[in-house]
Amino acid sequence: HINSTTMNTHHTKHHNTYINNVNNVLNGDNGSSVKGLSLEAMQKSISTLPDSIKTAVRNNGGGHYNHSMFWTIMAGVGSSNSGPSGDLKSSIDSTFGSLEAMQKEFNAAAASRFGSGWAWVC
């Protein structure tokens, strides 16, 4: 369970910092390189951006994108998640051996990245 105070603080402080920081990039000297792009397009163009904004766009644009998705996939109180099924479960089992093994590898990857432990399965 995540209480409302924790979620409110996370939304208004943590996520908002990513938004402010990526907006600072957009309004900065090299902001024209990404201005008008979606958050997803910004992330896809990291390798082509000026060095002076690559890290800020990756970390803050990526943090904003991740959090924006996070808010939409949070489960409501009383809902349950029984774990992956179907093709997703088959793919996890064939790639990692088990859900537990995937979670272990995923958590290790997330803990070693910028952004409070965010990681993606692609």
C-alpha atoms as a PDB file:
ATOM      1  CA  HIS A   1       0.000   0.000   0.000  1.00  0.00           C
ATOM      2  CA  ILE A   2       1.235   3.497  -0.868  1.00  0.00           C
ATOM      3  CA  ASN A   3      -0.443   6.228   1.130  1.00  0.00           C
ATOM      4  CA  SER A   4      -1.730   9.487  -0.346  1.00  0.00           C
ATOM      5  CA  THR A   5       0.955  11.604   1.348  1.00  0.00           C
ATOM      6  CA  THR A   6       3.714   9.544  -0.265  1.00  0.00           C
ATOM      7  CA  MET A   7       2.058   9.683  -3.680  1.00  0.00           C
ATOM      8  CA  ASN A   8       1.327  13.406  -3.435  1.00  0.00           C
ATOM      9  CA  THR A   9       4.910  14.181  -2.433  1.00  0.00           C
ATOM     10  CA  HIS A  10       6.239  11.968  -5.208  1.00  0.00           C
ATOM     11  CA  HIS A  11       4.007  13.650  -7.783  1.00  0.00           C
ATOM     12  CA  THR A  12       4.419  17.268  -6.699  1.00  0.00           C
ATOM     13  CA  LYS A  13       8.114  17.146  -5.778  1.00  0.00           C
ATOM     14  CA  HIS A  14       9.938  14.299  -7.527  1.00  0.00           C
ATOM     15  CA  HIS A  15       8.055  14.147 -10.832  1.00  0.00           C
ATOM     16  CA  ASN A  16       7.685  17.910 -10.924  1.00  0.00           C
ATOM     17  CA  THR A  17      11.476  18.283 -10.670  1.00  0.00           C
ATOM     18  CA  TYR A  18      11.883  16.213 -13.860  1.00  0.00           C
ATOM     19  CA  ILE A  19       9.317  18.424 -15.601  1.00  0.00           C
ATOM     20  CA  ASN A  20      11.017  21.637 -14.492  1.00  0.00           C
ATOM     21  CA  ASN A  21      14.451  20.357 -15.488  1.00  0.00           C
ATOM     22  CA  VAL A  22      13.415  19.226 -18.965  1.00  0.00           C
ATOM     23  CA  ASN A  23      11.586  22.544 -19.454  1.00  0.00           C
ATOM     24  CA  ASN A  24      14.822  24.320 -18.536  1.00  0.00           C
ATOM     25  CA  VAL A  25      16.538  22.378 -21.326  1.00  0.00           C
ATOM     26  CA  LEU A  26      13.799  23.360 -23.787  1.00  0.00           C
ATOM     27  CA  ASN A  27      14.223  27.018 -22.856  1.00  0.00           C
ATOM     28  CA  GLY A  28      18.034  26.868 -22.811  1.00  0.00           C
ATOM     29  CA  ASP A  29      20.698  27.539 -25.411  1.00  0.00           C
ATOM     30  CA  ASN A  30      20.305  24.217 -27.249  1.00  0.00           C
ATOM     31  CA  GLY A  31      16.604  23.736 -26.556  1.00  0.00           C
ATOM     32  CA  SER A  32      15.736  24.103 -30.220  1.00  0.00           C
ATOM     33  CA  SER A  33      17.255  20.632 -30.722  1.00  0.00           C
ATOM     34  CA  VAL A  34      14.315  19.059 -28.874  1.00  0.00           C
ATOM     35  CA  LYS A  35      11.615  21.744 -28.797  1.00  0.00           C
ATOM     36  CA  GLY A  36       8.392  20.414 -30.281  1.00  0.00           C
ATOM     37  CA  LEU A  37       9.384  16.757 -29.886  1.00  0.00           C
ATOM     38  CA  SER A  38       7.337  14.368 -27.787  1.00  0.00           C
ATOM     39  CA  LEU A  39       9.022  12.901 -24.719  1.00  0.00           C
ATOM     40  CA  GLU A  40       9.367   9.590 -26.580  1.00  0.00           C
ATOM     41  CA  ALA A  41      10.921  11.293 -29.617  1.00  0.00           C
ATOM     42  CA  MET A  42      13.359  13.146 -27.338  1.00  0.00           C
ATOM     43  CA  GLN A  43      14.542   9.854 -25.864  1.00  0.00           C
ATOM     44  CA  LYS A  44      14.917   8.283 -29.296  1.00  0.00           C
ATOM     45  CA  SER A  45      17.063  11.200 -30.468  1.00  0.00           C
ATOM     46  CA  ILE A  46      19.535  11.262 -27.552  1.00  0.00           C
ATOM     47  CA  SER A  47      22.507  10.201 -29.686  1.00  0.00           C
ATOM     48  CA  THR A  48      21.957  13.119 -32.098  1.00  0.00           C
ATOM     49  CA  LEU A  49      21.622  15.861 -29.464  1.00  0.00           C
ATOM     50  CA  PRO A  50      24.320  18.356 -28.545  1.00  0.00           C
ATOM     51  CA  ASP A  51      26.533  16.975 -25.778  1.00  0.00           C
ATOM     52  CA  SER A  52      25.561  19.875 -23.528  1.00  0.00           C
ATOM     53  CA  ILE A  53      21.957  18.608 -23.209  1.00  0.00           C
ATOM     54  CA  LYS A  54      22.192  14.823 -23.719  1.00  0.00           C
ATOM     55  CA  THR A  55      22.340  13.893 -20.038  1.00  0.00           C
ATOM     56  CA  ALA A  56      19.628  16.359 -18.986  1.00  0.00           C
ATOM     57  CA  VAL A  57      17.279  15.189 -21.747  1.00  0.00           C
ATOM     58  CA  ARG A  58      17.948  11.508 -21.030  1.00  0.00           C
ATOM     59  CA  ASN A  59      17.627  11.782 -17.254  1.00  0.00           C
ATOM     60  CA  ASN A  60      14.918  14.408 -16.890  1.00  0.00           C
ATOM     61  CA  GLY A  61      12.943  13.815 -20.068  1.00  0.00           C
ATOM     62  CA  GLY A  62      13.150  10.100 -19.364  1.00  0.00           C
ATOM     63  CA  GLY A  63      12.154  10.614 -15.729  1.00  0.00           C
ATOM     64  CA  HIS A  64       9.144  12.676 -16.798  1.00  0.00           C
ATOM     65  CA  TYR A  65       8.156  10.059 -19.385  1.00  0.00           C
ATOM     66  CA  ASN A  66       8.511   7.193 -16.896  1.00  0.00           C
ATOM     67  CA  HIS A  67       6.483   8.968 -14.233  1.00  0.00           C
ATOM     68  CA  SER A  68       3.765   9.952 -16.697  1.00  0.00           C
ATOM     69  CA  MET A  69       3.365   6.287 -17.572  1.00  0.00           C
ATOM     70  CA  PHE A  70       3.616   5.228 -13.927  1.00  0.00           C
ATOM     71  CA  TRP A  71       0.589   7.296 -12.900  1.00  0.00           C
ATOM     72  CA  THR A  72      -1.551   5.612 -15.565  1.00  0.00           C
ATOM     73  CA  ILE A  73      -0.688   2.026 -14.602  1.00  0.00           C
ATOM     74  CA  MET A  74      -1.038   2.217 -10.836  1.00  0.00           C
ATOM     75  CA  ALA A  75      -3.641  -0.260  -9.633  1.00  0.00           C
ATOM     76  CA  GLY A  76      -6.486   0.946  -7.477  1.00  0.00           C
ATOM     77  CA  VAL A  77      -7.073  -0.021  -3.874  1.00  0.00           C
ATOM     78  CA  GLY A  78      -8.407  -3.565  -3.643  1.00  0.00           C
ATOM     79  CA  SER A  79      -7.258  -4.623  -7.097  1.00  0.00           C
ATOM     80  CA  SER A  80      -4.849  -7.467  -7.491  1.00  0.00           C
ATOM     81  CA  ASN A  81      -2.153  -8.473  -9.884  1.00  0.00           C
ATOM     82  CA  SER A  82      -1.622 -12.188 -10.113  1.00  0.00           C
ATOM     83  CA  GLY A  83       1.465 -11.868 -12.288  1.00  0.00           C
ATOM     84  CA  PRO A  84       2.229 -12.283 -15.976  1.00  0.00           C
ATOM     85  CA  SER A  85       0.303 -14.738 -18.097  1.00  0.00           C
ATOM     86  CA  GLY A  86       0.068 -15.913 -21.688  1.00  0.00           C
ATOM     87  CA  ASP A  87       2.732 -14.805 -24.144  1.00  0.00           C
ATOM     88  CA  LEU A  88       4.390 -12.505 -21.600  1.00  0.00           C
ATOM     89  CA  LYS A  89       4.833 -15.328 -19.087  1.00  0.00           C
ATOM     90  CA  SER A  90       6.133 -17.652 -21.820  1.00  0.00           C
ATOM     91  CA  SER A  91       8.637 -15.051 -22.962  1.00  0.00           C
ATOM     92  CA  ILE A  92       9.841 -14.364 -19.404  1.00  0.00           C
ATOM     93  CA  ASP A  93      10.231 -18.084 -18.723  1.00  0.00           C
ATOM     94  CA  SER A  94      12.102 -18.740 -21.980  1.00  0.00           C
ATOM     95  CA  THR A  95      14.399 -15.731 -21.590  1.00  0.00           C
ATOM     96  CA  PHE A  96      15.082 -15.741 -17.841  1.00  0.00           C
ATOM     97  CA  GLY A  97      13.984 -19.176 -16.659  1.00  0.00           C
ATOM     98  CA  SER A  98      11.358 -17.849 -14.252  1.00  0.00           C
ATOM     99  CA  LEU A  99       9.620 -14.694 -13.081  1.00  0.00           C
ATOM    100  CA  GLU A 100      11.759 -14.709  -9.942  1.00  0.00           C
ATOM    101  CA  ALA A 101      14.977 -14.831 -11.990  1.00  0.00           C
ATOM    102  CA  MET A 102      13.734 -11.992 -14.220  1.00  0.00           C
ATOM    103  CA  GLN A 103      12.834  -9.897 -11.169  1.00  0.00           C
ATOM    104  CA  LYS A 104      16.293 -10.447  -9.679  1.00  0.00           C
ATOM    105  CA  GLU A 105      18.032  -9.365 -12.904  1.00  0.00           C
ATOM    106  CA  PHE A 106      15.594  -6.481 -13.420  1.00  0.00           C
ATOM    107  CA  ASN A 107      16.061  -5.186  -9.869  1.00  0.00           C
ATOM    108  CA  ALA A 108      19.853  -5.321 -10.212  1.00  0.00           C
ATOM    109  CA  ALA A 109      19.662  -3.345 -13.463  1.00  0.00           C
ATOM    110  CA  ALA A 110      17.237  -0.799 -11.984  1.00  0.00           C
ATOM    111  CA  ALA A 111      19.357  -0.244  -8.876  1.00  0.00           C
ATOM    112  CA  SER A 112      22.372   0.676 -11.004  1.00  0.00           C
ATOM    113  CA  ARG A 113      20.639   3.341 -13.134  1.00  0.00           C
ATOM    114  CA  PHE A 114      19.843   7.022 -12.726  1.00  0.00           C
ATOM    115  CA  GLY A 115      16.284   7.743 -11.704  1.00  0.00           C
ATOM    116  CA  SER A 116      15.440   6.088  -8.426  1.00  0.00           C
ATOM    117  CA  GLY A 117      15.493   2.539  -9.689  1.00  0.00           C
ATOM    118  CA  TRP A 118      13.523   2.922 -12.915  1.00  0.00           C
ATOM    119  CA  ALA A 119      14.177   0.285 -15.543  1.00  0.00           C
ATOM    120  CA  TRP A 120      12.282  -1.015 -18.546  1.00  0.00           C
ATOM    121  CA  VAL A 121      11.764  -4.446 -20.022  1.00  0.00           C
ATOM    122  CA  CYS A 122      12.019  -4.111 -23.789  1.00  0.00           C
END
